[in-house]
Amino acid sequence: MSNWTVAKVYVYMVALITFIVVLFNFIQLVRSIPEYLFDVGYVYKMSYMDARNELYMRKYGKYPDTKETPEFSEEEIKKVIDERYQEEQNRQKSYTLKNIVTNGVSFLVLLPIHIYYFKLARRSEV
């Protein structure tokens, strides 16, 4: 135990920290791939009242009063709900793709650094 120097402890700590970060990035990468491929995540679907209020905002430029009951056809409201649902799906898909790229790049950059420090720590000369 007397051969433990500050440099050796430092190298082991760096190896441990890089291992933890590499492991975290790998787990996040593995979790994100099925979400991207199979649309596993939850996507919010707009309610009928929210869609009606949004149509009112588009048409009149203000939020409807409680006294006012705007009349819109079912097709118009369904179209707004479907548009918002599709936008939310696209947003979630792009967010998941961003996570895949970010975690993949971090994993690929940190893995060689971890291997280098682990090999350095295993050598007895440090």
Protein backbone atom coordinates (compact mmCIF):
# COMPACT_ATOMS: atom_id res chain seq x y z
CA MET A 1 0.00 0.00 0.00
CA SER A 2 3.01 2.27 0.33
CA ASN A 3 3.36 2.63 -3.44
CA TRP A 4 0.22 4.79 -3.66
CA THR A 5 1.37 8.24 -4.75
CA VAL A 6 -0.65 11.33 -5.45
CA ALA A 7 -0.07 10.85 -9.18
CA LYS A 8 -1.34 7.27 -9.07
CA VAL A 9 -4.45 8.24 -7.12
CA TYR A 10 -5.07 11.08 -9.59
CA VAL A 11 -4.79 8.75 -12.59
CA TYR A 12 -7.15 6.22 -10.99
CA MET A 13 -9.65 8.97 -10.20
CA VAL A 14 -9.56 10.25 -13.79
CA ALA A 15 -10.03 6.69 -15.05
CA LEU A 16 -12.99 6.21 -12.69
CA ILE A 17 -14.64 9.49 -13.66
CA THR A 18 -14.22 8.86 -17.39
CA PHE A 19 -15.63 5.36 -16.91
CA ILE A 20 -18.72 6.71 -15.17
CA VAL A 21 -19.30 9.30 -17.90
CA VAL A 22 -18.73 6.74 -20.68
CA LEU A 23 -21.15 4.35 -19.00
CA PHE A 24 -23.78 7.08 -18.57
CA ASN A 25 -23.46 8.12 -22.25
CA PHE A 26 -23.69 4.51 -23.40
CA ILE A 27 -26.85 3.90 -21.36
CA GLN A 28 -28.46 7.09 -22.66
CA LEU A 29 -27.51 6.15 -26.22
CA VAL A 30 -29.04 2.69 -25.85
CA ARG A 31 -32.22 4.19 -24.36
CA SER A 32 -32.58 6.82 -27.10
CA ILE A 33 -32.30 4.50 -30.09
CA PRO A 34 -35.61 2.61 -29.51
CA GLU A 35 -37.35 5.91 -28.75
CA TYR A 36 -36.25 7.25 -32.12
CA LEU A 37 -37.01 4.10 -34.11
CA PHE A 38 -40.34 3.15 -32.58
CA ASP A 39 -41.83 6.42 -31.22
CA VAL A 40 -41.91 5.05 -27.68
CA GLY A 41 -42.21 8.43 -25.94
CA TYR A 42 -45.42 10.13 -24.87
CA VAL A 43 -46.78 12.77 -27.26
CA TYR A 44 -49.25 15.34 -25.94
CA LYS A 45 -52.53 15.48 -27.85
CA MET A 46 -54.30 18.84 -27.73
CA SER A 47 -57.79 18.96 -26.24
CA TYR A 48 -60.88 20.11 -28.10
CA MET A 49 -61.13 23.34 -26.06
CA ASP A 50 -57.47 24.23 -26.58
CA ALA A 51 -57.81 23.69 -30.34
CA ARG A 52 -60.94 25.84 -30.43
CA ASN A 53 -59.19 28.62 -28.49
CA GLU A 54 -56.19 28.46 -30.80
CA LEU A 55 -58.44 28.80 -33.84
CA TYR A 56 -60.06 31.81 -32.21
CA MET A 57 -56.63 33.33 -31.54
CA ARG A 58 -55.61 32.80 -35.17
CA LYS A 59 -58.79 34.36 -36.49
CA TYR A 60 -59.30 37.30 -34.11
CA GLY A 61 -55.87 37.80 -32.55
CA LYS A 62 -57.10 37.60 -28.96
CA TYR A 63 -58.11 34.98 -26.43
CA PRO A 64 -61.84 34.22 -26.41
CA ASP A 65 -63.93 35.78 -23.65
CA THR A 66 -65.92 33.52 -21.39
CA LYS A 67 -69.07 35.17 -22.78
CA GLU A 68 -68.05 34.46 -26.35
CA THR A 69 -68.52 30.97 -27.67
CA PRO A 70 -66.74 30.77 -31.01
CA GLU A 71 -68.25 28.44 -33.55
CA PHE A 72 -65.88 26.40 -35.66
CA SER A 73 -66.53 23.26 -37.62
CA GLU A 74 -65.41 19.88 -36.36
CA GLU A 75 -63.08 19.53 -39.36
CA GLU A 76 -61.28 22.80 -38.52
CA ILE A 77 -60.79 21.78 -34.90
CA LYS A 78 -59.69 18.25 -35.83
CA LYS A 79 -57.22 19.72 -38.33
CA VAL A 80 -55.64 21.91 -35.62
CA ILE A 81 -55.43 18.94 -33.22
CA ASP A 82 -53.76 16.79 -35.89
CA GLU A 83 -51.34 19.59 -36.85
CA ARG A 84 -50.26 20.08 -33.24
CA TYR A 85 -49.93 16.34 -32.70
CA GLN A 86 -47.74 16.00 -35.79
CA GLU A 87 -45.62 18.99 -34.74
CA GLU A 88 -45.14 17.47 -31.29
CA GLN A 89 -44.16 14.11 -32.79
CA ASN A 90 -41.61 15.82 -35.06
CA ARG A 91 -40.25 17.86 -32.16
CA GLN A 92 -39.86 14.76 -30.00
CA LYS A 93 -38.21 12.84 -32.84
CA SER A 94 -35.68 15.63 -33.46
CA TYR A 95 -34.98 15.90 -29.72
CA THR A 96 -34.33 12.16 -29.54
CA LEU A 97 -32.04 12.34 -32.58
CA LYS A 98 -30.13 15.17 -30.92
CA ASN A 99 -29.70 12.99 -27.83
CA ILE A 100 -28.44 10.09 -29.95
CA VAL A 101 -25.86 12.28 -31.66
CA THR A 102 -24.76 14.01 -28.44
CA ASN A 103 -24.39 10.81 -26.42
CA GLY A 104 -22.81 8.94 -29.33
CA VAL A 105 -20.16 11.60 -29.89
CA SER A 106 -19.44 11.86 -26.16
CA PHE A 107 -19.11 8.09 -25.94
CA LEU A 108 -16.75 7.91 -28.92
CA VAL A 109 -14.59 10.78 -27.64
CA LEU A 110 -14.37 9.65 -24.02
CA LEU A 111 -13.85 5.93 -24.59
CA PRO A 112 -10.25 6.26 -25.86
CA ILE A 113 -9.48 8.73 -23.04
CA HIS A 114 -10.80 6.26 -20.49
CA ILE A 115 -8.81 3.39 -22.02
CA TYR A 116 -5.64 5.50 -21.97
CA TYR A 117 -6.01 6.50 -18.32
CA PHE A 118 -7.00 2.99 -17.27
CA LYS A 119 -3.91 1.53 -18.93
CA LEU A 120 -1.81 4.29 -17.38
CA ALA A 121 -3.25 3.53 -13.93
CA ARG A 122 -2.60 -0.20 -14.29
CA ARG A 123 1.08 0.38 -14.96
CA SER A 124 3.12 0.33 -11.81
CA GLU A 125 5.51 3.12 -12.90
CA VAL A 126 3.01 5.91 -12.26
